[in-house]
Each structure stands twice: as structure tokens, then as C-alpha cells.
Amino acid sequence: MRRGGRAGTDVKSARWPALDAARGVAITAMVIYHLAWDLSFFRLIPTDIIGHPAWQFFARAIAASFLILVGISLVLAHDRGVRWRSFWRRLAVIATAALAITAVTWLAFPDDYIFFGILHCIALSSVLALPFVRAPVIVLVAGVVFCFAAPLLFTSPMLDHPLLDWLGLGARPPRTNDYVPIFPWFGLVLLGLAAGRLGLPFATGPSRSAIWHKPLFRGLIWSGRRSLPIYLVHQPLLMGALFLVAQVTGTNPTADEAFFRRGCESQCGQRGAEEAACNMGCACAAGHLKAEGLWRAALADRLSPADEERVSALAMQCFRQPAAPAR
């Protein structure tokens, strides 16, 4: 019988409710993040989810939790020897899902498609982690340190080639909607292995505590056991639903102006202008576009050649001598 198993319990085939619940928390958090991202994408809310530090931290915490759980799960599943059949079956499912994500996002967002996101990282990290499943904790900790130090020590423009972007050591971040490269993220899988190694001597088999039968935990366990299909279907469903909402309600006017200002101020800053001048100039440009009846067409990028000339003249006027927005 496998170490730590209770009498009469097949630990290899049993489910661990605590891990399933943890995956349930992670996938629920991911759905919340993508809901906010989609609301921002369709300009139904003014917040820039991608550029907001708190939301960036939230997204990274979600990815980190999934990768740590991968490490813990590998220890529980393969500590007594790799169960090759179940390992390859799981890997094939995850790799296929990752390739599907790449294909779908390439069709939907060809300029920002996902070529190495969370599923790609989980698939490759699962393979890379196998030799470390039974490694001493000190070796795992050293690996964690190396993975987190690598982007600081080895980042180079020589590694900016698209075929090497999966490493995460290029000097220029690639354009993509989800980027989870091996460095530093594989370090979190090793951290999960270390946590699993430290906790394994205390594992006594899947818990049968009554707490797991409470409605909240039952819901988390249910979603945790179906985290991959939920991951694959939730975003198309959310985007489809919010697209229909946007068609009915229209975009949020405050979100429209925030969207215009972010793009305008970014371009202004790239030309070397001071932040205050960019803020005033972009506010002025937004006001003139509204006053001239060109606002909606400008946001939709549907200006006629004559309108584009007019917009260019208005912009020159605003940025030569920033003024208060036109009323």
C-alpha cells in the first residue's frame, strides 16, 4: 500500500478534497478575472484591467496557485514511482487543450494570440518536474531560487527570437494575451513539489471530514474537479454574453473616454512629451472630437479621409498649446 494511505484506501485512485477545493478557488478566481477583463475589453467599465497593478497581481496570483498545485499533485501521484499511463493521459489532455487555445486565440486575436500561456506552461512544467518528484527539499529550494534569479541574470536581446519566447529570458516581452514562460514560473511548480515533499509524511489519505460536504466546499470541489473544461468554456461564454450586452446597452461613456485617453497619452509619451502636457492635450483632443461630432467614428476607427485631416488639425492645435477641452 502507498505510504500515508489509510487501511482500505486506494490513495492512488482517491481524490483529495482539499486539492480539489483549492483548484476550485483558483478557477473561480480566474473566472472573476476574465469577467473583469471582458468588461474592460468591451468598454463596459472604465477600469483598464490589463494595466491596473492590483488586477495584474491578482492574475499572477491565480497563475501561481495553479502551478503550485501542479507540483503538489505530482508528488501525491508519483512519489512511489511514475504512473506513466495516467501521466501521459493527463499530459495529452492538457497539451491538446493548450494547442486549442493557441488556435482559437490566433483566429480571434492574431496580433496577441496565446502561444505560451498557463496551459502550455503546465504541460511543459509537468514533464520538466518529473525528475524532481523525489528530489530532496534542499534541491527543490535551490531550483526555485535559480528559476526566479534566471530572468535577472540571463535576460538578453539574443534570446528575443520567437522560438525562444517560451523561456522568458528575452529582453523584449512578446505581445500576447497570456504569457507564462518557464522562467520564472517553473519555480512555482518546484515550490509545489517542495511543499508536497514536506507534507507527504503527514498525509493520511483523503479526508472524510464533514466540512467537505458543506455547500460552499462541495461547489468548490465540483469546480476543482472540472477546472480544465471550465477554463476552456468560460471565456467564450463570457465574451459572447458581454458582446450581446454591449450591443444592447452600448459602451460606457466614461469607459470610452478612458480608452481614448489611454491610447492618446501613450502615443504622446512615446514622442517624449511630458506627462502633464499629454494629459491636457488628450483631454483637449477628446473635447474637440465630441464637439465636432467625430467622437464615435474616431473610437470605432471609421473616420473618412476628410475627417482624418480634420482630426489631425485639431490634434495639432491641442498639442501645440494644450487647452481646456472644448464644450
C-alpha atoms as a PDB file:
ATOM      1  CA  MET A   1       0.000   0.000   0.000  1.00  0.00           C
ATOM      2  CA  ARG A   2       1.241   3.511  -0.769  1.00  0.00           C
ATOM      3  CA  ARG A   3       2.871   5.442   2.084  1.00  0.00           C
ATOM      4  CA  GLY A   4       0.434   7.547   4.072  1.00  0.00           C
ATOM      5  CA  GLY A   5      -2.672   5.677   2.892  1.00  0.00           C
ATOM      6  CA  ARG A   6      -5.318   4.593   5.326  1.00  0.00           C
ATOM      7  CA  ALA A   7      -6.178   0.945   5.581  1.00  0.00           C
ATOM      8  CA  GLY A   8      -8.646   0.065   2.880  1.00  0.00           C
ATOM      9  CA  THR A   9      -7.999   3.307   0.929  1.00  0.00           C
ATOM     10  CA  ASP A  10      -6.537   3.239  -2.559  1.00  0.00           C
ATOM     11  CA  VAL A  11      -4.734   6.588  -2.340  1.00  0.00           C
ATOM     12  CA  LYS A  12      -3.597   6.388  -5.948  1.00  0.00           C
ATOM     13  CA  SER A  13      -7.149   6.477  -7.206  1.00  0.00           C
ATOM     14  CA  ALA A  14      -8.722   8.550  -4.448  1.00  0.00           C
ATOM     15  CA  ARG A  15      -9.469  12.236  -4.792  1.00  0.00           C
ATOM     16  CA  TRP A  16      -8.084  14.704  -2.308  1.00  0.00           C
ATOM     17  CA  PRO A  17     -10.900  17.156  -1.485  1.00  0.00           C
ATOM     18  CA  ALA A  18      -8.508  19.820  -0.167  1.00  0.00           C
ATOM     19  CA  LEU A  19      -6.641  19.921  -3.504  1.00  0.00           C
ATOM     20  CA  ASP A  20      -9.874  19.865  -5.482  1.00  0.00           C
ATOM     21  CA  ALA A  21     -11.230  22.721  -3.359  1.00  0.00           C
ATOM     22  CA  ALA A  22      -8.004  24.680  -3.883  1.00  0.00           C
ATOM     23  CA  ARG A  23      -8.336  24.207  -7.648  1.00  0.00           C
ATOM     24  CA  GLY A  24     -11.948  25.303  -7.304  1.00  0.00           C
ATOM     25  CA  VAL A  25     -10.852  28.534  -5.625  1.00  0.00           C
ATOM     26  CA  ALA A  26      -8.261  29.109  -8.360  1.00  0.00           C
ATOM     27  CA  ILE A  27     -10.655  28.513 -11.257  1.00  0.00           C
ATOM     28  CA  THR A  28     -13.319  30.686  -9.590  1.00  0.00           C
ATOM     29  CA  ALA A  29     -10.756  33.485  -9.244  1.00  0.00           C
ATOM     30  CA  MET A  30      -9.821  33.064 -12.905  1.00  0.00           C
ATOM     31  CA  VAL A  31     -13.458  33.379 -13.980  1.00  0.00           C
ATOM     32  CA  ILE A  32     -13.743  36.582 -11.908  1.00  0.00           C
ATOM     33  CA  TYR A  33     -10.577  37.988 -13.502  1.00  0.00           C
ATOM     34  CA  HIS A  34     -11.720  37.165 -17.031  1.00  0.00           C
ATOM     35  CA  LEU A  35     -15.148  38.673 -16.330  1.00  0.00           C
ATOM     36  CA  ALA A  36     -13.442  41.928 -15.331  1.00  0.00           C
ATOM     37  CA  TRP A  37     -11.092  41.693 -18.340  1.00  0.00           C
ATOM     38  CA  ASP A  38     -14.025  41.216 -20.711  1.00  0.00           C
ATOM     39  CA  LEU A  39     -15.980  44.104 -19.185  1.00  0.00           C
ATOM     40  CA  SER A  40     -12.919  46.295 -19.765  1.00  0.00           C
ATOM     41  CA  PHE A  41     -12.359  44.914 -23.283  1.00  0.00           C
ATOM     42  CA  PHE A  42     -15.924  45.738 -24.346  1.00  0.00           C
ATOM     43  CA  ARG A  43     -15.630  49.138 -22.612  1.00  0.00           C
ATOM     44  CA  LEU A  44     -18.489  48.419 -20.252  1.00  0.00           C
ATOM     45  CA  ILE A  45     -16.359  49.621 -17.328  1.00  0.00           C
ATOM     46  CA  PRO A  46     -13.697  52.374 -17.358  1.00  0.00           C
ATOM     47  CA  THR A  47     -11.012  50.386 -15.499  1.00  0.00           C
ATOM     48  CA  ASP A  48      -8.011  49.264 -17.545  1.00  0.00           C
ATOM     49  CA  ILE A  49      -7.780  45.718 -16.196  1.00  0.00           C
ATOM     50  CA  ILE A  50      -4.599  44.839 -18.076  1.00  0.00           C
ATOM     51  CA  GLY A  51      -2.706  47.897 -16.865  1.00  0.00           C
ATOM     52  CA  HIS A  52      -4.073  48.051 -13.299  1.00  0.00           C
ATOM     53  CA  PRO A  53      -1.441  46.922 -10.738  1.00  0.00           C
ATOM     54  CA  ALA A  54      -3.954  45.258  -8.405  1.00  0.00           C
ATOM     55  CA  TRP A  55      -5.539  43.282 -11.232  1.00  0.00           C
ATOM     56  CA  GLN A  56      -2.096  42.328 -12.567  1.00  0.00           C
ATOM     57  CA  PHE A  57      -1.185  40.978  -9.123  1.00  0.00           C
ATOM     58  CA  PHE A  58      -4.498  39.093  -8.961  1.00  0.00           C
ATOM     59  CA  ALA A  59      -3.841  37.455 -12.355  1.00  0.00           C
ATOM     60  CA  ARG A  60      -0.310  36.432 -11.372  1.00  0.00           C
ATOM     61  CA  ALA A  61      -1.536  35.037  -8.050  1.00  0.00           C
ATOM     62  CA  ILE A  62      -4.064  32.873  -9.889  1.00  0.00           C
ATOM     63  CA  ALA A  63      -1.398  31.508 -12.259  1.00  0.00           C
ATOM     64  CA  ALA A  64       0.949  30.912  -9.310  1.00  0.00           C
ATOM     65  CA  SER A  65      -1.695  28.947  -7.409  1.00  0.00           C
ATOM     66  CA  PHE A  66      -2.329  26.632 -10.365  1.00  0.00           C
ATOM     67  CA  LEU A  67       1.387  25.936 -10.804  1.00  0.00           C
ATOM     68  CA  ILE A  68       1.979  25.269  -7.101  1.00  0.00           C
ATOM     69  CA  LEU A  69      -0.944  22.836  -7.162  1.00  0.00           C
ATOM     70  CA  VAL A  70       0.629  21.085 -10.163  1.00  0.00           C
ATOM     71  CA  GLY A  71       3.749  20.439  -8.083  1.00  0.00           C
ATOM     72  CA  ILE A  72       1.833  19.170  -5.053  1.00  0.00           C
ATOM     73  CA  SER A  73      -0.298  16.897  -7.240  1.00  0.00           C
ATOM     74  CA  LEU A  74       2.773  15.401  -8.941  1.00  0.00           C
ATOM     75  CA  VAL A  75       4.221  14.414  -5.563  1.00  0.00           C
ATOM     76  CA  LEU A  76       0.973  12.821  -4.385  1.00  0.00           C
ATOM     77  CA  ALA A  77       0.515  10.950  -7.652  1.00  0.00           C
ATOM     78  CA  HIS A  78       4.056   9.780  -8.393  1.00  0.00           C
ATOM     79  CA  ASP A  79       6.074   9.714  -5.171  1.00  0.00           C
ATOM     80  CA  ARG A  80       6.233   5.895  -5.217  1.00  0.00           C
ATOM     81  CA  GLY A  81       7.115   5.816  -8.901  1.00  0.00           C
ATOM     82  CA  VAL A  82       5.776   7.473 -12.013  1.00  0.00           C
ATOM     83  CA  ARG A  83       2.391   6.130 -13.070  1.00  0.00           C
ATOM     84  CA  TRP A  84       3.163   6.527 -16.732  1.00  0.00           C
ATOM     85  CA  ARG A  85      -0.242   5.704 -18.167  1.00  0.00           C
ATOM     86  CA  SER A  86      -2.112   8.293 -16.117  1.00  0.00           C
ATOM     87  CA  PHE A  87       0.724  10.807 -16.554  1.00  0.00           C
ATOM     88  CA  TRP A  88       0.726  10.605 -20.369  1.00  0.00           C
ATOM     89  CA  ARG A  89      -3.077  10.621 -20.500  1.00  0.00           C
ATOM     90  CA  ARG A  90      -3.240  13.779 -18.382  1.00  0.00           C
ATOM     91  CA  LEU A  91      -0.409  15.402 -20.341  1.00  0.00           C
ATOM     92  CA  ALA A  92      -2.105  14.638 -23.669  1.00  0.00           C
ATOM     93  CA  VAL A  93      -5.341  16.261 -22.498  1.00  0.00           C
ATOM     94  CA  ILE A  94      -3.583  19.408 -21.234  1.00  0.00           C
ATOM     95  CA  ALA A  95      -1.339  19.711 -24.321  1.00  0.00           C
ATOM     96  CA  THR A  96      -4.311  19.307 -26.645  1.00  0.00           C
ATOM     97  CA  ALA A  97      -6.222  21.976 -24.729  1.00  0.00           C
ATOM     98  CA  ALA A  98      -3.192  24.295 -24.909  1.00  0.00           C
ATOM     99  CA  LEU A  99      -2.945  23.857 -28.675  1.00  0.00           C
ATOM    100  CA  ALA A 100      -6.677  24.532 -28.964  1.00  0.00           C
ATOM    101  CA  ILE A 101      -6.236  27.778 -27.013  1.00  0.00           C
ATOM    102  CA  THR A 102      -3.447  28.804 -29.388  1.00  0.00           C
ATOM    103  CA  ALA A 103      -5.562  28.044 -32.465  1.00  0.00           C
ATOM    104  CA  VAL A 104      -8.681  29.825 -31.213  1.00  0.00           C
ATOM    105  CA  THR A 105      -6.856  32.932 -29.995  1.00  0.00           C
ATOM    106  CA  TRP A 106      -4.847  33.099 -33.226  1.00  0.00           C
ATOM    107  CA  LEU A 107      -8.143  33.313 -35.108  1.00  0.00           C
ATOM    108  CA  ALA A 108      -9.729  35.781 -32.666  1.00  0.00           C
ATOM    109  CA  PHE A 109      -6.676  37.914 -31.779  1.00  0.00           C
ATOM    110  CA  PRO A 110      -3.994  37.315 -34.440  1.00  0.00           C
ATOM    111  CA  ASP A 111      -1.789  40.115 -33.088  1.00  0.00           C
ATOM    112  CA  ASP A 112      -1.975  38.968 -29.453  1.00  0.00           C
ATOM    113  CA  TYR A 113      -2.692  35.245 -29.645  1.00  0.00           C
ATOM    114  CA  ILE A 114      -1.674  32.952 -26.783  1.00  0.00           C
ATOM    115  CA  PHE A 115       1.352  30.862 -27.741  1.00  0.00           C
ATOM    116  CA  PHE A 116       2.636  30.031 -24.233  1.00  0.00           C
ATOM    117  CA  GLY A 117       0.015  30.634 -21.596  1.00  0.00           C
ATOM    118  CA  ILE A 118      -0.867  28.860 -18.362  1.00  0.00           C
ATOM    119  CA  LEU A 119      -1.824  25.538 -20.004  1.00  0.00           C
ATOM    120  CA  HIS A 120       1.341  25.465 -22.127  1.00  0.00           C
ATOM    121  CA  CYS A 121       3.404  26.128 -19.004  1.00  0.00           C
ATOM    122  CA  ILE A 122       1.598  23.414 -17.028  1.00  0.00           C
ATOM    123  CA  ALA A 123       2.146  20.878 -19.812  1.00  0.00           C
ATOM    124  CA  LEU A 124       5.878  21.508 -20.216  1.00  0.00           C
ATOM    125  CA  SER A 125       6.459  22.002 -16.485  1.00  0.00           C
ATOM    126  CA  SER A 126       4.838  18.634 -15.764  1.00  0.00           C
ATOM    127  CA  VAL A 127       7.461  16.959 -17.931  1.00  0.00           C
ATOM    128  CA  LEU A 128      10.356  19.014 -16.571  1.00  0.00           C
ATOM    129  CA  ALA A 129       9.269  18.345 -12.983  1.00  0.00           C
ATOM    130  CA  LEU A 130       9.230  14.542 -13.205  1.00  0.00           C
ATOM    131  CA  PRO A 131      12.953  14.090 -12.412  1.00  0.00           C
ATOM    132  CA  PHE A 132      12.467  16.242  -9.299  1.00  0.00           C
ATOM    133  CA  VAL A 133       9.447  14.455  -7.812  1.00  0.00           C
ATOM    134  CA  ARG A 134      11.590  12.539  -5.314  1.00  0.00           C
ATOM    135  CA  ALA A 135      14.387  15.103  -5.036  1.00  0.00           C
ATOM    136  CA  PRO A 136      15.459  16.368  -1.591  1.00  0.00           C
ATOM    137  CA  VAL A 137      13.738  19.551  -0.495  1.00  0.00           C
ATOM    138  CA  ILE A 138      17.044  21.450  -0.479  1.00  0.00           C
ATOM    139  CA  VAL A 139      17.496  20.655  -4.189  1.00  0.00           C
ATOM    140  CA  LEU A 140      13.972  21.867  -4.915  1.00  0.00           C
ATOM    141  CA  VAL A 141      14.545  25.096  -2.998  1.00  0.00           C
ATOM    142  CA  ALA A 142      17.759  25.678  -4.966  1.00  0.00           C
ATOM    143  CA  GLY A 143      15.776  25.138  -8.168  1.00  0.00           C
ATOM    144  CA  VAL A 144      13.179  27.680  -7.057  1.00  0.00           C
ATOM    145  CA  VAL A 145      15.896  30.257  -6.404  1.00  0.00           C
ATOM    146  CA  PHE A 146      17.510  29.567  -9.772  1.00  0.00           C
ATOM    147  CA  CYS A 147      14.216  29.926 -11.672  1.00  0.00           C
ATOM    148  CA  PHE A 148      13.457  33.277 -10.060  1.00  0.00           C
ATOM    149  CA  ALA A 149      17.018  34.531 -10.470  1.00  0.00           C
ATOM    150  CA  ALA A 150      17.320  33.466 -14.130  1.00  0.00           C
ATOM    151  CA  PRO A 151      15.384  36.450 -15.603  1.00  0.00           C
ATOM    152  CA  LEU A 152      17.667  38.788 -13.641  1.00  0.00           C
ATOM    153  CA  LEU A 153      20.885  37.003 -14.621  1.00  0.00           C
ATOM    154  CA  PHE A 154      20.368  35.686 -18.133  1.00  0.00           C
ATOM    155  CA  THR A 155      17.944  38.056 -19.877  1.00  0.00           C
ATOM    156  CA  SER A 156      19.429  39.057 -23.234  1.00  0.00           C
ATOM    157  CA  PRO A 157      18.338  40.518 -26.596  1.00  0.00           C
ATOM    158  CA  MET A 158      19.953  37.413 -28.128  1.00  0.00           C
ATOM    159  CA  LEU A 159      17.025  35.412 -26.691  1.00  0.00           C
ATOM    160  CA  ASP A 160      14.313  37.585 -28.258  1.00  0.00           C
ATOM    161  CA  HIS A 161      13.737  35.127 -31.109  1.00  0.00           C
ATOM    162  CA  PRO A 162      10.066  33.985 -31.240  1.00  0.00           C
ATOM    163  CA  LEU A 163      11.155  30.347 -30.988  1.00  0.00           C
ATOM    164  CA  LEU A 164      12.753  31.118 -27.610  1.00  0.00           C
ATOM    165  CA  ASP A 165       9.959  33.217 -26.115  1.00  0.00           C
ATOM    166  CA  TRP A 166       8.780  30.231 -24.057  1.00  0.00           C
ATOM    167  CA  LEU A 167      11.916  30.593 -21.929  1.00  0.00           C
ATOM    168  CA  GLY A 168      11.002  34.089 -20.707  1.00  0.00           C
ATOM    169  CA  LEU A 169      14.576  35.354 -20.980  1.00  0.00           C
ATOM    170  CA  GLY A 170      14.201  37.777 -23.878  1.00  0.00           C
ATOM    171  CA  ALA A 171      14.811  41.477 -23.341  1.00  0.00           C
ATOM    172  CA  ARG A 172      11.527  42.444 -25.029  1.00  0.00           C
ATOM    173  CA  PRO A 173       8.232  40.945 -23.766  1.00  0.00           C
ATOM    174  CA  PRO A 174       6.235  39.390 -26.625  1.00  0.00           C
ATOM    175  CA  ARG A 175       2.728  40.573 -27.500  1.00  0.00           C
ATOM    176  CA  THR A 176       0.243  38.055 -26.188  1.00  0.00           C
ATOM    177  CA  ASN A 177      -2.889  37.915 -24.042  1.00  0.00           C
ATOM    178  CA  ASP A 178      -1.457  35.322 -21.649  1.00  0.00           C
ATOM    179  CA  TYR A 179       2.261  34.763 -21.084  1.00  0.00           C
ATOM    180  CA  VAL A 180       3.554  32.261 -18.521  1.00  0.00           C
ATOM    181  CA  PRO A 181       7.128  31.366 -19.581  1.00  0.00           C
ATOM    182  CA  ILE A 182       9.284  28.716 -17.935  1.00  0.00           C
ATOM    183  CA  PHE A 183      11.415  31.319 -16.160  1.00  0.00           C
ATOM    184  CA  PRO A 184      10.441  32.241 -13.527  1.00  0.00           C
ATOM    185  CA  TRP A 185       7.158  30.301 -13.436  1.00  0.00           C
ATOM    186  CA  PHE A 186       8.620  26.776 -13.338  1.00  0.00           C
ATOM    187  CA  GLY A 187       9.987  27.799  -9.963  1.00  0.00           C
ATOM    188  CA  LEU A 188       6.435  27.701  -8.600  1.00  0.00           C
ATOM    189  CA  VAL A 189       5.999  24.097  -9.725  1.00  0.00           C
ATOM    190  CA  LEU A 190       9.228  23.250  -7.883  1.00  0.00           C
ATOM    191  CA  LEU A 191       7.857  25.142  -4.886  1.00  0.00           C
ATOM    192  CA  GLY A 192       4.759  22.929  -5.065  1.00  0.00           C
ATOM    193  CA  LEU A 193       6.995  19.847  -5.208  1.00  0.00           C
ATOM    194  CA  ALA A 194       8.804  21.055  -2.100  1.00  0.00           C
ATOM    195  CA  ALA A 195       5.502  21.656  -0.302  1.00  0.00           C
ATOM    196  CA  GLY A 196       4.337  18.204  -1.332  1.00  0.00           C
ATOM    197  CA  ARG A 197       7.573  16.581  -0.146  1.00  0.00           C
ATOM    198  CA  LEU A 198       7.353  18.342   3.214  1.00  0.00           C
ATOM    199  CA  GLY A 199       3.688  17.495   3.666  1.00  0.00           C
ATOM    200  CA  LEU A 200       3.807  13.906   2.427  1.00  0.00           C
ATOM    201  CA  PRO A 201       4.919  12.334   5.747  1.00  0.00           C
ATOM    202  CA  PHE A 202       1.836  13.836   7.375  1.00  0.00           C
ATOM    203  CA  ALA A 203      -0.591  12.777   4.646  1.00  0.00           C
ATOM    204  CA  THR A 204      -3.077  10.234   5.945  1.00  0.00           C
ATOM    205  CA  GLY A 205      -5.198   9.805   2.858  1.00  0.00           C
ATOM    206  CA  PRO A 206      -8.119  11.804   1.512  1.00  0.00           C
ATOM    207  CA  SER A 207     -10.042  13.481   4.309  1.00  0.00           C
ATOM    208  CA  ARG A 208     -13.615  12.440   5.016  1.00  0.00           C
ATOM    209  CA  SER A 209     -14.294  15.443   7.248  1.00  0.00           C
ATOM    210  CA  ALA A 210     -17.867  16.716   7.261  1.00  0.00           C
ATOM    211  CA  ILE A 211     -16.621  20.148   6.232  1.00  0.00           C
ATOM    212  CA  TRP A 212     -16.229  18.966   2.630  1.00  0.00           C
ATOM    213  CA  HIS A 213     -19.973  18.229   2.495  1.00  0.00           C
ATOM    214  CA  LYS A 214     -20.983  21.818   3.200  1.00  0.00           C
ATOM    215  CA  PRO A 215     -22.499  23.539   0.124  1.00  0.00           C
ATOM    216  CA  LEU A 216     -19.635  26.006  -0.369  1.00  0.00           C
ATOM    217  CA  PHE A 217     -16.933  23.346  -0.290  1.00  0.00           C
ATOM    218  CA  ARG A 218     -18.981  20.927  -2.371  1.00  0.00           C
ATOM    219  CA  GLY A 219     -19.239  23.628  -5.024  1.00  0.00           C
ATOM    220  CA  LEU A 220     -15.502  24.315  -4.903  1.00  0.00           C
ATOM    221  CA  ILE A 221     -14.670  20.597  -5.094  1.00  0.00           C
ATOM    222  CA  TRP A 222     -17.062  20.151  -8.023  1.00  0.00           C
ATOM    223  CA  SER A 223     -15.473  23.027  -9.957  1.00  0.00           C
ATOM    224  CA  GLY A 224     -11.956  21.950  -8.979  1.00  0.00           C
ATOM    225  CA  ARG A 225     -12.521  18.504 -10.445  1.00  0.00           C
ATOM    226  CA  ARG A 226     -13.684  20.138 -13.671  1.00  0.00           C
ATOM    227  CA  SER A 227     -11.196  23.008 -13.761  1.00  0.00           C
ATOM    228  CA  LEU A 228      -9.917  22.255 -17.275  1.00  0.00           C
ATOM    229  CA  PRO A 229     -13.315  22.177 -19.051  1.00  0.00           C
ATOM    230  CA  ILE A 230     -14.387  25.245 -17.053  1.00  0.00           C
ATOM    231  CA  TYR A 231     -11.191  27.002 -18.163  1.00  0.00           C
ATOM    232  CA  LEU A 232     -11.849  26.118 -21.797  1.00  0.00           C
ATOM    233  CA  VAL A 233     -15.503  27.159 -21.983  1.00  0.00           C
ATOM    234  CA  HIS A 234     -15.921  30.035 -19.533  1.00  0.00           C
ATOM    235  CA  GLN A 235     -14.173  32.724 -21.582  1.00  0.00           C
ATOM    236  CA  PRO A 236     -16.061  32.118 -24.866  1.00  0.00           C
ATOM    237  CA  LEU A 237     -19.325  32.125 -22.890  1.00  0.00           C
ATOM    238  CA  LEU A 238     -18.433  35.328 -21.038  1.00  0.00           C
ATOM    239  CA  MET A 239     -17.255  37.126 -24.167  1.00  0.00           C
ATOM    240  CA  GLY A 240     -20.311  36.059 -26.129  1.00  0.00           C
ATOM    241  CA  ALA A 241     -22.698  37.190 -23.400  1.00  0.00           C
ATOM    242  CA  LEU A 242     -20.978  40.539 -22.837  1.00  0.00           C
ATOM    243  CA  PHE A 243     -20.743  41.190 -26.568  1.00  0.00           C
ATOM    244  CA  LEU A 244     -24.542  40.909 -26.721  1.00  0.00           C
ATOM    245  CA  VAL A 245     -24.867  43.171 -23.661  1.00  0.00           C
ATOM    246  CA  ALA A 246     -22.660  45.786 -25.327  1.00  0.00           C
ATOM    247  CA  GLN A 247     -24.798  45.681 -28.459  1.00  0.00           C
ATOM    248  CA  VAL A 248     -27.918  46.369 -26.399  1.00  0.00           C
ATOM    249  CA  THR A 249     -26.595  48.900 -23.882  1.00  0.00           C
ATOM    250  CA  GLY A 250     -23.761  50.448 -25.843  1.00  0.00           C
ATOM    251  CA  THR A 251     -20.378  51.172 -24.326  1.00  0.00           C
ATOM    252  CA  ASN A 252     -19.933  53.114 -21.107  1.00  0.00           C
ATOM    253  CA  PRO A 253     -19.203  56.786 -21.965  1.00  0.00           C
ATOM    254  CA  THR A 254     -16.677  57.037 -19.141  1.00  0.00           C
ATOM    255  CA  ALA A 255     -15.000  53.863 -20.401  1.00  0.00           C
ATOM    256  CA  ASP A 256     -14.903  55.285 -23.942  1.00  0.00           C
ATOM    257  CA  GLU A 257     -13.107  58.404 -22.792  1.00  0.00           C
ATOM    258  CA  ALA A 258     -10.711  56.410 -20.602  1.00  0.00           C
ATOM    259  CA  PHE A 259      -9.935  54.143 -23.580  1.00  0.00           C
ATOM    260  CA  PHE A 260      -9.259  57.137 -25.851  1.00  0.00           C
ATOM    261  CA  ARG A 261      -7.160  58.920 -23.249  1.00  0.00           C
ATOM    262  CA  ARG A 262      -5.001  55.855 -22.543  1.00  0.00           C
ATOM    263  CA  GLY A 263      -4.168  55.386 -26.211  1.00  0.00           C
ATOM    264  CA  CYS A 264      -3.635  59.091 -26.822  1.00  0.00           C
ATOM    265  CA  GLU A 265      -1.435  59.601 -23.759  1.00  0.00           C
ATOM    266  CA  SER A 266       0.622  56.517 -24.592  1.00  0.00           C
ATOM    267  CA  GLN A 267       1.373  57.791 -28.098  1.00  0.00           C
ATOM    268  CA  CYS A 268       2.099  61.258 -26.740  1.00  0.00           C
ATOM    269  CA  GLY A 269       4.514  59.875 -24.146  1.00  0.00           C
ATOM    270  CA  GLN A 270       6.339  57.829 -26.789  1.00  0.00           C
ATOM    271  CA  ARG A 271       7.106  61.095 -28.568  1.00  0.00           C
ATOM    272  CA  GLY A 272       8.887  62.332 -25.461  1.00  0.00           C
ATOM    273  CA  ALA A 273       6.299  64.835 -24.243  1.00  0.00           C
ATOM    274  CA  GLU A 274       5.827  65.480 -20.543  1.00  0.00           C
ATOM    275  CA  GLU A 275       3.001  63.662 -18.781  1.00  0.00           C
ATOM    276  CA  ALA A 276       1.129  66.836 -17.833  1.00  0.00           C
ATOM    277  CA  ALA A 277       1.245  68.125 -21.420  1.00  0.00           C
ATOM    278  CA  CYS A 278      -0.010  64.759 -22.707  1.00  0.00           C
ATOM    279  CA  ASN A 279      -2.880  64.730 -20.217  1.00  0.00           C
ATOM    280  CA  MET A 280      -4.002  68.227 -21.172  1.00  0.00           C
ATOM    281  CA  GLY A 281      -3.531  67.686 -24.899  1.00  0.00           C
ATOM    282  CA  CYS A 282      -5.501  64.432 -24.930  1.00  0.00           C
ATOM    283  CA  ALA A 283      -8.321  65.958 -22.877  1.00  0.00           C
ATOM    284  CA  CYS A 284      -8.410  68.827 -25.375  1.00  0.00           C
ATOM    285  CA  ALA A 285      -8.490  66.408 -28.330  1.00  0.00           C
ATOM    286  CA  ALA A 286     -11.333  64.390 -26.798  1.00  0.00           C
ATOM    287  CA  GLY A 287     -13.361  67.546 -26.245  1.00  0.00           C
ATOM    288  CA  HIS A 288     -12.876  68.728 -29.849  1.00  0.00           C
ATOM    289  CA  LEU A 289     -13.815  65.325 -31.269  1.00  0.00           C
ATOM    290  CA  LYS A 290     -17.070  65.388 -29.308  1.00  0.00           C
ATOM    291  CA  ALA A 291     -17.808  68.981 -30.297  1.00  0.00           C
ATOM    292  CA  GLU A 292     -17.188  68.181 -33.989  1.00  0.00           C
ATOM    293  CA  GLY A 293     -19.392  65.070 -33.921  1.00  0.00           C
ATOM    294  CA  LEU A 294     -16.415  62.815 -34.707  1.00  0.00           C
ATOM    295  CA  TRP A 295     -16.190  61.045 -31.364  1.00  0.00           C
ATOM    296  CA  ARG A 296     -17.962  57.770 -32.202  1.00  0.00           C
ATOM    297  CA  ALA A 297     -16.294  57.457 -35.588  1.00  0.00           C
ATOM    298  CA  ALA A 298     -12.860  58.056 -34.044  1.00  0.00           C
ATOM    299  CA  LEU A 299     -13.422  55.422 -31.359  1.00  0.00           C
ATOM    300  CA  ALA A 300     -14.549  52.904 -33.984  1.00  0.00           C
ATOM    301  CA  ASP A 301     -11.636  53.838 -36.283  1.00  0.00           C
ATOM    302  CA  ARG A 302     -14.104  54.673 -39.074  1.00  0.00           C
ATOM    303  CA  LEU A 303     -13.076  58.209 -39.973  1.00  0.00           C
ATOM    304  CA  SER A 304     -13.265  59.259 -43.618  1.00  0.00           C
ATOM    305  CA  PRO A 305     -10.119  60.737 -45.228  1.00  0.00           C
ATOM    306  CA  ALA A 306     -11.589  64.223 -44.836  1.00  0.00           C
ATOM    307  CA  ASP A 307     -12.414  63.547 -41.179  1.00  0.00           C
ATOM    308  CA  GLU A 308      -8.899  62.263 -40.568  1.00  0.00           C
ATOM    309  CA  GLU A 309      -7.470  65.529 -41.877  1.00  0.00           C
ATOM    310  CA  ARG A 310      -9.802  67.446 -39.584  1.00  0.00           C
ATOM    311  CA  VAL A 311      -8.812  65.303 -36.587  1.00  0.00           C
ATOM    312  CA  SER A 312      -5.135  65.796 -37.393  1.00  0.00           C
ATOM    313  CA  ALA A 313      -5.596  69.572 -37.472  1.00  0.00           C
ATOM    314  CA  LEU A 314      -7.469  69.501 -34.148  1.00  0.00           C
ATOM    315  CA  ALA A 315      -4.753  67.363 -32.574  1.00  0.00           C
ATOM    316  CA  MET A 316      -2.016  69.709 -33.754  1.00  0.00           C
ATOM    317  CA  GLN A 317      -3.920  72.614 -32.267  1.00  0.00           C
ATOM    318  CA  CYS A 318      -4.300  70.840 -28.909  1.00  0.00           C
ATOM    319  CA  PHE A 319      -0.714  69.655 -28.600  1.00  0.00           C
ATOM    320  CA  ARG A 320       0.879  72.898 -29.733  1.00  0.00           C
ATOM    321  CA  GLN A 321      -0.858  74.742 -26.926  1.00  0.00           C
ATOM    322  CA  PRO A 322      -2.840  72.404 -24.639  1.00  0.00           C
ATOM    323  CA  ALA A 323      -6.084  73.939 -23.587  1.00  0.00           C
ATOM    324  CA  ALA A 324      -9.217  73.020 -21.738  1.00  0.00           C
ATOM    325  CA  PRO A 325     -11.478  70.553 -23.573  1.00  0.00           C
ATOM    326  CA  ALA A 326     -13.978  72.038 -25.985  1.00  0.00           C
ATOM    327  CA  ARG A 327     -17.502  72.103 -24.648  1.00  0.00           C
END
